[in-house]
Amino acid sequence: MDDTYLREFKFNIENDQDAENLVKVSRALSSLDRVKILKLLNKGPLSVLEISQKLDLPFSTVANHINVLEDARLIMVEFTPTFKGHQKLCSRMVTNYHVDIWSKAKKKDEIFTFEMPIGMFVDAKIHAPCGMASEERHLMVSDQVEQFYNTERAKAQILWFKYGYITYRFPLNNIKKSKISEINLELELCSETAYYKENWPSDITFSLNNIEIGSFLSLGDYGKKRGILNPSWWSDSDTQHGVLVSITINNQGTYINNKMVNGEVKVQNIIKNLSSFLELKIEIKEDAEHVGGINLFGKRFGNYSQDIILKFKVSS
């Protein structure tokens, strides 16, 4: 089994956020069929159809079970291309589940959270097709690269470009840099093409303070199903939503959606280069294998009500 997927859930009911997540996980594990699905996925990734056949359950029933398990973050669901279109491929995300009902008082790690609106970039060098839109309207003439810096960009709730890069700077305030033990980033994104195309791969590369940490392969520009948060004026024929990408850098290395992508870049490498801010660079390289563009989603577009979220875990 691939050890890069090792992950533990540790909950303490004294923590309000843990308590909310505990309810989701407990609900997911309250069904014998869902427990059987987790047992199947211990042997490797399977599609929803394969799970349905192996457990002799209706496809719709399995699909509902998968949604519950994904919401609890017990499994990861990715869209993979097939000769007929695409399918949901399900993989195990968690190996251990531990709950502290009571524990002796001890110092807790502090979590510092920053949320960056997608329009608050400090630098960009992009190539058309490109564009930006707020919750109410388009913010620039489509494909006019020189308008990407227009003063209304802070209102952006979706932006897109073909290739190039965009950078954001997160303040560190009074965080003790030497005590940072983990850095986590979350953002919703997908590929970019005219209208949309579910099978449209794009290599999206991330850097922190000029250190390249890894790449995420976006499988498509998703538009078949309307984005949950999209405003009514947004056309059904355009990009609708992305996938939530989670990047974690800790003492072991760099992980994207809980899969190790870089064992060389660890949190120590990043904090050595920290000054008064952390700079995030999101890039589509012109010479990448898949130059499929990018869409970035804010909290009023797509399926996830959030902007770009950065979290620092600081040891006590």
C-alpha atoms as a PDB file:
ATOM      1  CA  MET A   1       0.000   0.000   0.000  1.00  0.00           C
ATOM      2  CA  ASP A   2       1.228   3.518  -0.820  1.00  0.00           C
ATOM      3  CA  ASP A   3       2.444   5.051   2.445  1.00  0.00           C
ATOM      4  CA  THR A   4       2.119   8.547   0.986  1.00  0.00           C
ATOM      5  CA  TYR A   5      -1.607   8.323   1.814  1.00  0.00           C
ATOM      6  CA  LEU A   6      -1.031   7.756   5.546  1.00  0.00           C
ATOM      7  CA  ARG A   7      -3.135  10.141   7.597  1.00  0.00           C
ATOM      8  CA  GLU A   8      -4.516  10.134  11.108  1.00  0.00           C
ATOM      9  CA  PHE A   9      -7.650  11.744  12.498  1.00  0.00           C
ATOM     10  CA  LYS A  10      -7.165  12.833  16.113  1.00  0.00           C
ATOM     11  CA  PHE A  11     -10.146  14.518  17.713  1.00  0.00           C
ATOM     12  CA  ASN A  12     -10.587  16.089  21.131  1.00  0.00           C
ATOM     13  CA  ILE A  13     -14.154  16.970  22.048  1.00  0.00           C
ATOM     14  CA  GLU A  14     -12.897  19.970  24.023  1.00  0.00           C
ATOM     15  CA  ASN A  15     -12.067  21.554  20.655  1.00  0.00           C
ATOM     16  CA  ASP A  16     -15.171  22.994  18.945  1.00  0.00           C
ATOM     17  CA  GLN A  17     -13.834  22.444  15.403  1.00  0.00           C
ATOM     18  CA  ASP A  18     -12.851  18.883  16.282  1.00  0.00           C
ATOM     19  CA  ALA A  19     -16.335  18.290  17.654  1.00  0.00           C
ATOM     20  CA  GLU A  20     -17.937  19.371  14.356  1.00  0.00           C
ATOM     21  CA  ASN A  21     -15.631  17.118  12.352  1.00  0.00           C
ATOM     22  CA  LEU A  22     -16.202  14.261  14.803  1.00  0.00           C
ATOM     23  CA  VAL A  23     -19.933  14.410  14.112  1.00  0.00           C
ATOM     24  CA  LYS A  24     -19.287  14.135  10.352  1.00  0.00           C
ATOM     25  CA  VAL A  25     -16.894  11.205  10.757  1.00  0.00           C
ATOM     26  CA  SER A  26     -19.212   9.455  13.214  1.00  0.00           C
ATOM     27  CA  ARG A  27     -22.106   9.805  10.803  1.00  0.00           C
ATOM     28  CA  ALA A  28     -19.968   8.431   7.968  1.00  0.00           C
ATOM     29  CA  LEU A  29     -19.023   5.386  10.052  1.00  0.00           C
ATOM     30  CA  SER A  30     -22.577   4.752  11.283  1.00  0.00           C
ATOM     31  CA  SER A  31     -23.455   2.715   8.170  1.00  0.00           C
ATOM     32  CA  LEU A  32     -22.238  -0.853   7.694  1.00  0.00           C
ATOM     33  CA  ASP A  33     -22.209  -0.339   3.914  1.00  0.00           C
ATOM     34  CA  ARG A  34     -19.934   2.685   4.264  1.00  0.00           C
ATOM     35  CA  VAL A  35     -17.601   0.710   6.507  1.00  0.00           C
ATOM     36  CA  LYS A  36     -17.497  -1.979   3.802  1.00  0.00           C
ATOM     37  CA  ILE A  37     -16.584   0.682   1.225  1.00  0.00           C
ATOM     38  CA  LEU A  38     -13.663   1.846   3.388  1.00  0.00           C
ATOM     39  CA  LYS A  39     -12.519  -1.762   3.733  1.00  0.00           C
ATOM     40  CA  LEU A  40     -12.571  -2.165  -0.059  1.00  0.00           C
ATOM     41  CA  LEU A  41     -10.544   1.023  -0.562  1.00  0.00           C
ATOM     42  CA  ASN A  42      -7.813  -0.302   1.754  1.00  0.00           C
ATOM     43  CA  LYS A  43      -6.842  -2.504  -1.208  1.00  0.00           C
ATOM     44  CA  GLY A  44      -6.558   0.423  -3.631  1.00  0.00           C
ATOM     45  CA  PRO A  45      -8.580   3.067  -5.511  1.00  0.00           C
ATOM     46  CA  LEU A  46     -11.898   2.034  -7.080  1.00  0.00           C
ATOM     47  CA  SER A  47     -14.528   3.752  -9.174  1.00  0.00           C
ATOM     48  CA  VAL A  48     -18.103   4.147  -7.934  1.00  0.00           C
ATOM     49  CA  LEU A  49     -19.219   1.534 -10.462  1.00  0.00           C
ATOM     50  CA  GLU A  50     -16.605  -0.973  -9.267  1.00  0.00           C
ATOM     51  CA  ILE A  51     -17.671  -0.462  -5.657  1.00  0.00           C
ATOM     52  CA  SER A  52     -21.309  -0.922  -6.661  1.00  0.00           C
ATOM     53  CA  GLN A  53     -20.501  -4.211  -8.396  1.00  0.00           C
ATOM     54  CA  LYS A  54     -18.285  -5.583  -5.619  1.00  0.00           C
ATOM     55  CA  LEU A  55     -20.844  -4.857  -2.882  1.00  0.00           C
ATOM     56  CA  ASP A  56     -23.885  -5.680  -5.028  1.00  0.00           C
ATOM     57  CA  LEU A  57     -25.457  -2.328  -4.196  1.00  0.00           C
ATOM     58  CA  PRO A  58     -27.318   0.085  -6.502  1.00  0.00           C
ATOM     59  CA  PHE A  59     -25.067   2.658  -8.133  1.00  0.00           C
ATOM     60  CA  SER A  60     -27.147   5.531  -6.708  1.00  0.00           C
ATOM     61  CA  THR A  61     -26.851   4.133  -3.175  1.00  0.00           C
ATOM     62  CA  VAL A  62     -23.072   3.860  -3.472  1.00  0.00           C
ATOM     63  CA  ALA A  63     -22.865   7.391  -4.904  1.00  0.00           C
ATOM     64  CA  ASN A  64     -24.718   8.735  -1.842  1.00  0.00           C
ATOM     65  CA  HIS A  65     -22.413   6.800   0.492  1.00  0.00           C
ATOM     66  CA  ILE A  66     -19.375   8.214  -1.328  1.00  0.00           C
ATOM     67  CA  ASN A  67     -20.662  11.769  -0.841  1.00  0.00           C
ATOM     68  CA  VAL A  68     -20.969  11.202   2.929  1.00  0.00           C
ATOM     69  CA  LEU A  69     -17.478   9.659   3.185  1.00  0.00           C
ATOM     70  CA  GLU A  70     -15.969  12.485   1.123  1.00  0.00           C
ATOM     71  CA  ASP A  71     -17.687  15.146   3.224  1.00  0.00           C
ATOM     72  CA  ALA A  72     -16.102  13.552   6.316  1.00  0.00           C
ATOM     73  CA  ARG A  73     -12.721  13.557   4.486  1.00  0.00           C
ATOM     74  CA  LEU A  74     -12.328   9.828   5.014  1.00  0.00           C
ATOM     75  CA  ILE A  75     -11.843   9.325   1.279  1.00  0.00           C
ATOM     76  CA  MET A  76     -10.648  11.395  -1.662  1.00  0.00           C
ATOM     77  CA  VAL A  77     -12.638  11.527  -4.912  1.00  0.00           C
ATOM     78  CA  GLU A  78     -10.975  12.464  -8.199  1.00  0.00           C
ATOM     79  CA  PHE A  79     -12.358  12.626 -11.716  1.00  0.00           C
ATOM     80  CA  THR A  80     -10.381  10.464 -14.145  1.00  0.00           C
ATOM     81  CA  PRO A  81     -10.877  10.355 -17.919  1.00  0.00           C
ATOM     82  CA  THR A  82     -12.338   7.276 -19.611  1.00  0.00           C
ATOM     83  CA  PHE A  83     -13.142   6.505 -23.217  1.00  0.00           C
ATOM     84  CA  LYS A  84     -16.754   7.497 -22.485  1.00  0.00           C
ATOM     85  CA  GLY A  85     -15.992  10.699 -20.593  1.00  0.00           C
ATOM     86  CA  HIS A  86     -14.915  10.594 -16.975  1.00  0.00           C
ATOM     87  CA  GLN A  87     -15.501   8.621 -13.777  1.00  0.00           C
ATOM     88  CA  LYS A  88     -15.177   9.203 -10.048  1.00  0.00           C
ATOM     89  CA  LEU A  89     -12.138   7.401  -8.623  1.00  0.00           C
ATOM     90  CA  CYS A  90     -12.262   6.911  -4.847  1.00  0.00           C
ATOM     91  CA  SER A  91      -9.160   6.534  -2.649  1.00  0.00           C
ATOM     92  CA  ARG A  92      -8.528   6.061   1.061  1.00  0.00           C
ATOM     93  CA  MET A  93      -7.347   9.163   2.930  1.00  0.00           C
ATOM     94  CA  VAL A  94      -7.275   8.051   6.570  1.00  0.00           C
ATOM     95  CA  THR A  95      -5.572   5.167   8.363  1.00  0.00           C
ATOM     96  CA  ASN A  96      -6.276   5.918  12.022  1.00  0.00           C
ATOM     97  CA  TYR A  97      -9.131   7.501  13.943  1.00  0.00           C
ATOM     98  CA  HIS A  98      -8.602   8.548  17.565  1.00  0.00           C
ATOM     99  CA  VAL A  99     -10.892  10.465  19.913  1.00  0.00           C
ATOM    100  CA  ASP A 100      -9.908  12.073  23.218  1.00  0.00           C
ATOM    101  CA  ILE A 101     -12.989  12.291  25.421  1.00  0.00           C
ATOM    102  CA  TRP A 102     -10.886  13.748  28.234  1.00  0.00           C
ATOM    103  CA  SER A 103      -7.239  14.623  28.518  1.00  0.00           C
ATOM    104  CA  LYS A 104      -5.035  16.391  30.999  1.00  0.00           C
ATOM    105  CA  ALA A 105      -4.604  20.066  30.437  1.00  0.00           C
ATOM    106  CA  LYS A 106      -1.655  20.756  28.210  1.00  0.00           C
ATOM    107  CA  LYS A 107      -0.402  23.474  25.989  1.00  0.00           C
ATOM    108  CA  LYS A 108      -1.998  23.368  22.565  1.00  0.00           C
ATOM    109  CA  ASP A 109      -0.511  24.248  19.232  1.00  0.00           C
ATOM    110  CA  GLU A 110      -1.821  27.582  18.012  1.00  0.00           C
ATOM    111  CA  ILE A 111      -3.399  27.866  14.580  1.00  0.00           C
ATOM    112  CA  PHE A 112      -3.157  31.204  12.778  1.00  0.00           C
ATOM    113  CA  THR A 113      -5.551  31.531   9.835  1.00  0.00           C
ATOM    114  CA  PHE A 114      -5.519  34.062   6.993  1.00  0.00           C
ATOM    115  CA  GLU A 115      -8.043  34.288   4.135  1.00  0.00           C
ATOM    116  CA  MET A 116      -6.891  36.032   0.961  1.00  0.00           C
ATOM    117  CA  PRO A 117      -9.440  37.307  -1.612  1.00  0.00           C
ATOM    118  CA  ILE A 118      -8.397  35.987  -5.021  1.00  0.00           C
ATOM    119  CA  GLY A 119      -8.332  39.505  -6.505  1.00  0.00           C
ATOM    120  CA  MET A 120      -5.744  40.752  -3.983  1.00  0.00           C
ATOM    121  CA  PHE A 121      -2.725  39.528  -5.933  1.00  0.00           C
ATOM    122  CA  VAL A 122       0.453  41.613  -5.797  1.00  0.00           C
ATOM    123  CA  ASP A 123       2.013  40.477  -9.063  1.00  0.00           C
ATOM    124  CA  ALA A 124       0.912  38.740 -12.224  1.00  0.00           C
ATOM    125  CA  LYS A 125       2.399  37.879 -15.575  1.00  0.00           C
ATOM    126  CA  ILE A 126      -0.300  36.122 -17.519  1.00  0.00           C
ATOM    127  CA  HIS A 127      -1.351  35.309 -21.064  1.00  0.00           C
ATOM    128  CA  ALA A 128      -4.789  35.335 -22.661  1.00  0.00           C
ATOM    129  CA  PRO A 129      -7.395  34.019 -22.655  1.00  0.00           C
ATOM    130  CA  CYS A 130      -7.946  35.677 -19.303  1.00  0.00           C
ATOM    131  CA  GLY A 131     -10.634  37.403 -17.306  1.00  0.00           C
ATOM    132  CA  MET A 132     -12.161  38.293 -13.942  1.00  0.00           C
ATOM    133  CA  ALA A 133     -15.671  38.573 -12.597  1.00  0.00           C
ATOM    134  CA  SER A 134     -17.230  39.722  -9.337  1.00  0.00           C
ATOM    135  CA  GLU A 135     -20.464  38.494  -7.806  1.00  0.00           C
ATOM    136  CA  GLU A 136     -22.327  41.090  -9.903  1.00  0.00           C
ATOM    137  CA  ARG A 137     -20.532  41.339 -13.276  1.00  0.00           C
ATOM    138  CA  HIS A 138     -17.411  40.934 -15.389  1.00  0.00           C
ATOM    139  CA  LEU A 139     -14.591  43.201 -14.185  1.00  0.00           C
ATOM    140  CA  MET A 140     -12.595  43.530 -17.411  1.00  0.00           C
ATOM    141  CA  VAL A 141     -12.886  43.221 -21.149  1.00  0.00           C
ATOM    142  CA  SER A 142     -12.282  39.565 -21.906  1.00  0.00           C
ATOM    143  CA  ASP A 143      -8.663  38.694 -22.844  1.00  0.00           C
ATOM    144  CA  GLN A 144      -7.330  42.237 -22.318  1.00  0.00           C
ATOM    145  CA  VAL A 145      -4.247  41.308 -20.282  1.00  0.00           C
ATOM    146  CA  GLU A 146      -3.407  44.920 -19.452  1.00  0.00           C
ATOM    147  CA  GLN A 147      -6.711  45.220 -17.561  1.00  0.00           C
ATOM    148  CA  PHE A 148      -5.812  42.438 -15.135  1.00  0.00           C
ATOM    149  CA  TYR A 149      -4.458  45.029 -12.686  1.00  0.00           C
ATOM    150  CA  ASN A 150      -7.582  47.163 -12.801  1.00  0.00           C
ATOM    151  CA  THR A 151      -8.528  48.715  -9.454  1.00  0.00           C
ATOM    152  CA  GLU A 152     -11.710  46.660  -9.141  1.00  0.00           C
ATOM    153  CA  ARG A 153      -9.760  43.396  -9.013  1.00  0.00           C
ATOM    154  CA  ALA A 154     -10.236  43.229  -5.217  1.00  0.00           C
ATOM    155  CA  LYS A 155     -13.894  42.388  -5.938  1.00  0.00           C
ATOM    156  CA  ALA A 156     -12.999  39.343  -8.053  1.00  0.00           C
ATOM    157  CA  GLN A 157     -14.769  36.095  -7.190  1.00  0.00           C
ATOM    158  CA  ILE A 158     -13.459  34.154 -10.189  1.00  0.00           C
ATOM    159  CA  LEU A 159     -10.399  34.777 -12.359  1.00  0.00           C
ATOM    160  CA  TRP A 160      -8.741  32.811 -15.123  1.00  0.00           C
ATOM    161  CA  PHE A 161      -5.772  32.786 -17.499  1.00  0.00           C
ATOM    162  CA  LYS A 162      -4.078  30.457 -19.982  1.00  0.00           C
ATOM    163  CA  TYR A 163      -0.507  30.404 -18.633  1.00  0.00           C
ATOM    164  CA  GLY A 164       1.876  32.531 -16.601  1.00  0.00           C
ATOM    165  CA  TYR A 165       1.766  33.242 -12.878  1.00  0.00           C
ATOM    166  CA  ILE A 166       0.008  35.148 -10.140  1.00  0.00           C
ATOM    167  CA  THR A 167       1.333  35.865  -6.629  1.00  0.00           C
ATOM    168  CA  TYR A 168      -0.175  36.669  -3.223  1.00  0.00           C
ATOM    169  CA  ARG A 169       1.470  37.898  -0.021  1.00  0.00           C
ATOM    170  CA  PHE A 170       0.184  36.793   3.374  1.00  0.00           C
ATOM    171  CA  PRO A 171       1.267  38.843   6.430  1.00  0.00           C
ATOM    172  CA  LEU A 172       2.968  37.046   9.316  1.00  0.00           C
ATOM    173  CA  ASN A 173       2.052  39.640  11.953  1.00  0.00           C
ATOM    174  CA  ASN A 174       3.611  38.563  15.254  1.00  0.00           C
ATOM    175  CA  ILE A 175       3.882  34.838  14.515  1.00  0.00           C
ATOM    176  CA  LYS A 176       7.057  33.299  15.915  1.00  0.00           C
ATOM    177  CA  LYS A 177       8.584  31.995  12.713  1.00  0.00           C
ATOM    178  CA  SER A 178      10.931  29.576  14.468  1.00  0.00           C
ATOM    179  CA  LYS A 179       7.941  27.848  16.095  1.00  0.00           C
ATOM    180  CA  ILE A 180       6.017  27.168  12.860  1.00  0.00           C
ATOM    181  CA  SER A 181       5.613  23.388  12.540  1.00  0.00           C
ATOM    182  CA  GLU A 182       3.163  23.193   9.638  1.00  0.00           C
ATOM    183  CA  ILE A 183       1.887  25.360   6.796  1.00  0.00           C
ATOM    184  CA  ASN A 184      -1.411  24.586   5.069  1.00  0.00           C
ATOM    185  CA  LEU A 185      -3.025  26.192   2.017  1.00  0.00           C
ATOM    186  CA  GLU A 186      -6.508  25.518   0.627  1.00  0.00           C
ATOM    187  CA  LEU A 187      -7.986  26.880  -2.587  1.00  0.00           C
ATOM    188  CA  GLU A 188     -10.578  25.931  -5.195  1.00  0.00           C
ATOM    189  CA  LEU A 189      -9.356  25.706  -8.774  1.00  0.00           C
ATOM    190  CA  CYS A 190      -9.659  23.918 -12.096  1.00  0.00           C
ATOM    191  CA  SER A 191      -8.272  24.101 -15.639  1.00  0.00           C
ATOM    192  CA  GLU A 192      -9.322  26.749 -18.180  1.00  0.00           C
ATOM    193  CA  THR A 193     -10.489  26.538 -21.777  1.00  0.00           C
ATOM    194  CA  ALA A 194     -13.206  28.128 -23.920  1.00  0.00           C
ATOM    195  CA  TYR A 195     -16.599  27.479 -22.302  1.00  0.00           C
ATOM    196  CA  TYR A 196     -15.621  24.303 -20.419  1.00  0.00           C
ATOM    197  CA  LYS A 197     -14.232  20.827 -21.020  1.00  0.00           C
ATOM    198  CA  GLU A 198     -14.353  18.145 -18.340  1.00  0.00           C
ATOM    199  CA  ASN A 199     -11.306  16.335 -19.732  1.00  0.00           C
ATOM    200  CA  TRP A 200      -8.760  19.164 -20.023  1.00  0.00           C
ATOM    201  CA  PRO A 201      -5.604  18.540 -17.954  1.00  0.00           C
ATOM    202  CA  SER A 202      -3.427  21.352 -16.630  1.00  0.00           C
ATOM    203  CA  ASP A 203      -0.208  21.273 -14.574  1.00  0.00           C
ATOM    204  CA  ILE A 204      -0.501  23.917 -11.851  1.00  0.00           C
ATOM    205  CA  THR A 205       2.731  24.632  -9.944  1.00  0.00           C
ATOM    206  CA  PHE A 206       2.997  26.221  -6.497  1.00  0.00           C
ATOM    207  CA  SER A 207       5.911  28.084  -4.914  1.00  0.00           C
ATOM    208  CA  LEU A 208       6.346  29.635  -1.473  1.00  0.00           C
ATOM    209  CA  ASN A 209       8.849  32.479  -1.121  1.00  0.00           C
ATOM    210  CA  ASN A 210      10.522  31.445  -4.404  1.00  0.00           C
ATOM    211  CA  ILE A 211      10.814  27.776  -3.378  1.00  0.00           C
ATOM    212  CA  GLU A 212       8.950  25.499  -5.780  1.00  0.00           C
ATOM    213  CA  ILE A 213       7.066  23.021  -3.620  1.00  0.00           C
ATOM    214  CA  GLY A 214       5.138  20.891  -6.131  1.00  0.00           C
ATOM    215  CA  SER A 215       2.506  20.662  -8.853  1.00  0.00           C
ATOM    216  CA  PHE A 216      -1.129  19.619  -8.996  1.00  0.00           C
ATOM    217  CA  LEU A 217      -2.622  18.013 -12.107  1.00  0.00           C
ATOM    218  CA  SER A 218      -6.056  19.515 -12.662  1.00  0.00           C
ATOM    219  CA  LEU A 219      -8.024  17.034 -14.760  1.00  0.00           C
ATOM    220  CA  GLY A 220     -10.553  19.373 -16.309  1.00  0.00           C
ATOM    221  CA  ASP A 221     -12.410  22.655 -16.652  1.00  0.00           C
ATOM    222  CA  TYR A 222     -15.659  21.677 -14.956  1.00  0.00           C
ATOM    223  CA  GLY A 223     -18.968  22.927 -16.295  1.00  0.00           C
ATOM    224  CA  LYS A 224     -21.486  20.086 -16.610  1.00  0.00           C
ATOM    225  CA  LYS A 225     -22.957  20.790 -13.181  1.00  0.00           C
ATOM    226  CA  ARG A 226     -23.681  24.360 -12.118  1.00  0.00           C
ATOM    227  CA  GLY A 227     -21.552  25.733  -9.295  1.00  0.00           C
ATOM    228  CA  ILE A 228     -23.445  25.815  -5.999  1.00  0.00           C
ATOM    229  CA  LEU A 229     -22.447  29.409  -5.208  1.00  0.00           C
ATOM    230  CA  ASN A 230     -22.502  30.945  -8.683  1.00  0.00           C
ATOM    231  CA  PRO A 231     -24.626  34.095  -9.139  1.00  0.00           C
ATOM    232  CA  SER A 232     -27.698  33.816 -11.339  1.00  0.00           C
ATOM    233  CA  TRP A 233     -26.251  35.995 -14.116  1.00  0.00           C
ATOM    234  CA  TRP A 234     -23.321  33.611 -14.735  1.00  0.00           C
ATOM    235  CA  SER A 235     -23.868  31.593 -17.922  1.00  0.00           C
ATOM    236  CA  ASP A 236     -24.446  27.822 -17.735  1.00  0.00           C
ATOM    237  CA  SER A 237     -22.111  27.449 -20.719  1.00  0.00           C
ATOM    238  CA  ASP A 238     -19.057  28.718 -18.798  1.00  0.00           C
ATOM    239  CA  THR A 239     -16.796  27.186 -16.133  1.00  0.00           C
ATOM    240  CA  GLN A 240     -18.870  26.320 -13.046  1.00  0.00           C
ATOM    241  CA  HIS A 241     -16.674  24.993 -10.246  1.00  0.00           C
ATOM    242  CA  GLY A 242     -13.304  23.563  -9.328  1.00  0.00           C
ATOM    243  CA  VAL A 243     -11.871  21.066  -6.871  1.00  0.00           C
ATOM    244  CA  LEU A 244     -10.594  21.923  -3.402  1.00  0.00           C
ATOM    245  CA  VAL A 245      -6.810  21.578  -3.315  1.00  0.00           C
ATOM    246  CA  SER A 246      -5.054  21.271   0.045  1.00  0.00           C
ATOM    247  CA  ILE A 247      -1.292  21.813   0.310  1.00  0.00           C
ATOM    248  CA  THR A 248       0.519  20.882   3.524  1.00  0.00           C
ATOM    249  CA  ILE A 249       4.190  21.427   4.325  1.00  0.00           C
ATOM    250  CA  ASN A 250       5.402  19.817   7.548  1.00  0.00           C
ATOM    251  CA  ASN A 251       8.501  18.151   8.988  1.00  0.00           C
ATOM    252  CA  GLN A 252       8.141  15.193   6.608  1.00  0.00           C
ATOM    253  CA  GLY A 253       7.771  17.083   3.325  1.00  0.00           C
ATOM    254  CA  THR A 254       5.142  18.628   1.060  1.00  0.00           C
ATOM    255  CA  TYR A 255       1.752  17.027   0.459  1.00  0.00           C
ATOM    256  CA  ILE A 256      -0.983  17.914  -2.011  1.00  0.00           C
ATOM    257  CA  ASN A 257      -4.380  16.444  -1.109  1.00  0.00           C
ATOM    258  CA  ASN A 258      -2.581  14.231   1.416  1.00  0.00           C
ATOM    259  CA  LYS A 259      -0.247  12.679  -1.153  1.00  0.00           C
ATOM    260  CA  MET A 260       3.451  13.448  -0.786  1.00  0.00           C
ATOM    261  CA  VAL A 261       4.738  15.348  -3.817  1.00  0.00           C
ATOM    262  CA  ASN A 262       8.086  16.579  -2.508  1.00  0.00           C
ATOM    263  CA  GLY A 263      10.111  14.961   0.264  1.00  0.00           C
ATOM    264  CA  GLU A 264      12.883  17.540  -0.091  1.00  0.00           C
ATOM    265  CA  VAL A 265      10.891  20.681   0.711  1.00  0.00           C
ATOM    266  CA  LYS A 266       9.964  20.673   4.401  1.00  0.00           C
ATOM    267  CA  VAL A 267       8.585  23.355   6.665  1.00  0.00           C
ATOM    268  CA  GLN A 268      12.121  24.166   7.851  1.00  0.00           C
ATOM    269  CA  ASN A 269      13.093  25.119   4.284  1.00  0.00           C
ATOM    270  CA  ILE A 270      10.203  27.569   4.045  1.00  0.00           C
ATOM    271  CA  ILE A 271      10.568  29.292   7.415  1.00  0.00           C
ATOM    272  CA  LYS A 272      14.281  29.919   6.781  1.00  0.00           C
ATOM    273  CA  ASN A 273      13.243  32.294   3.960  1.00  0.00           C
ATOM    274  CA  LEU A 274      10.399  34.042   5.786  1.00  0.00           C
ATOM    275  CA  SER A 275      10.527  37.783   6.336  1.00  0.00           C
ATOM    276  CA  SER A 276       7.393  39.770   7.149  1.00  0.00           C
ATOM    277  CA  PHE A 277       5.183  37.841   4.724  1.00  0.00           C
ATOM    278  CA  LEU A 278       4.717  34.507   2.984  1.00  0.00           C
ATOM    279  CA  GLU A 279       4.517  34.791  -0.807  1.00  0.00           C
ATOM    280  CA  LEU A 280       2.421  32.253  -2.714  1.00  0.00           C
ATOM    281  CA  LYS A 281       3.034  31.881  -6.436  1.00  0.00           C
ATOM    282  CA  ILE A 282       0.552  29.960  -8.605  1.00  0.00           C
ATOM    283  CA  GLU A 283       1.912  29.203 -12.045  1.00  0.00           C
ATOM    284  CA  ILE A 284       1.112  27.504 -15.336  1.00  0.00           C
ATOM    285  CA  LYS A 285       4.485  27.040 -16.970  1.00  0.00           C
ATOM    286  CA  GLU A 286       4.659  27.643 -20.698  1.00  0.00           C
ATOM    287  CA  ASP A 287       6.731  24.460 -21.129  1.00  0.00           C
ATOM    288  CA  ALA A 288       4.606  22.270 -18.835  1.00  0.00           C
ATOM    289  CA  GLU A 289       3.399  18.919 -20.146  1.00  0.00           C
ATOM    290  CA  HIS A 290      -0.202  20.121 -19.817  1.00  0.00           C
ATOM    291  CA  VAL A 291      -0.650  23.845 -20.451  1.00  0.00           C
ATOM    292  CA  GLY A 292      -4.359  23.834 -19.645  1.00  0.00           C
ATOM    293  CA  GLY A 293      -4.831  27.157 -17.881  1.00  0.00           C
ATOM    294  CA  ILE A 294      -6.385  27.864 -14.503  1.00  0.00           C
ATOM    295  CA  ASN A 295      -9.591  29.139 -12.913  1.00  0.00           C
ATOM    296  CA  LEU A 296      -9.405  30.397  -9.310  1.00  0.00           C
ATOM    297  CA  PHE A 297     -12.605  30.657  -7.275  1.00  0.00           C
ATOM    298  CA  GLY A 298     -13.508  32.999  -4.422  1.00  0.00           C
ATOM    299  CA  LYS A 299     -16.111  32.474  -1.727  1.00  0.00           C
ATOM    300  CA  ARG A 300     -19.018  33.579  -3.962  1.00  0.00           C
ATOM    301  CA  PHE A 301     -18.239  31.267  -6.894  1.00  0.00           C
ATOM    302  CA  GLY A 302     -17.842  27.525  -7.386  1.00  0.00           C
ATOM    303  CA  ASN A 303     -18.669  24.951  -4.723  1.00  0.00           C
ATOM    304  CA  TYR A 304     -16.664  26.070  -1.678  1.00  0.00           C
ATOM    305  CA  SER A 305     -17.439  29.217   0.312  1.00  0.00           C
ATOM    306  CA  GLN A 306     -13.863  30.350   0.841  1.00  0.00           C
ATOM    307  CA  ASP A 307     -11.087  32.408  -0.676  1.00  0.00           C
ATOM    308  CA  ILE A 308      -7.442  31.240  -0.512  1.00  0.00           C
ATOM    309  CA  ILE A 309      -6.909  30.052   3.064  1.00  0.00           C
ATOM    310  CA  LEU A 310      -3.482  29.919   4.716  1.00  0.00           C
ATOM    311  CA  LYS A 311      -2.936  28.315   8.116  1.00  0.00           C
ATOM    312  CA  PHE A 312       0.188  28.263  10.259  1.00  0.00           C
ATOM    313  CA  LYS A 313       0.471  25.694  13.047  1.00  0.00           C
ATOM    314  CA  VAL A 314       2.739  27.135  15.731  1.00  0.00           C
ATOM    315  CA  SER A 315       4.107  24.859  18.442  1.00  0.00           C
ATOM    316  CA  SER A 316       3.824  25.992  22.030  1.00  0.00           C
END
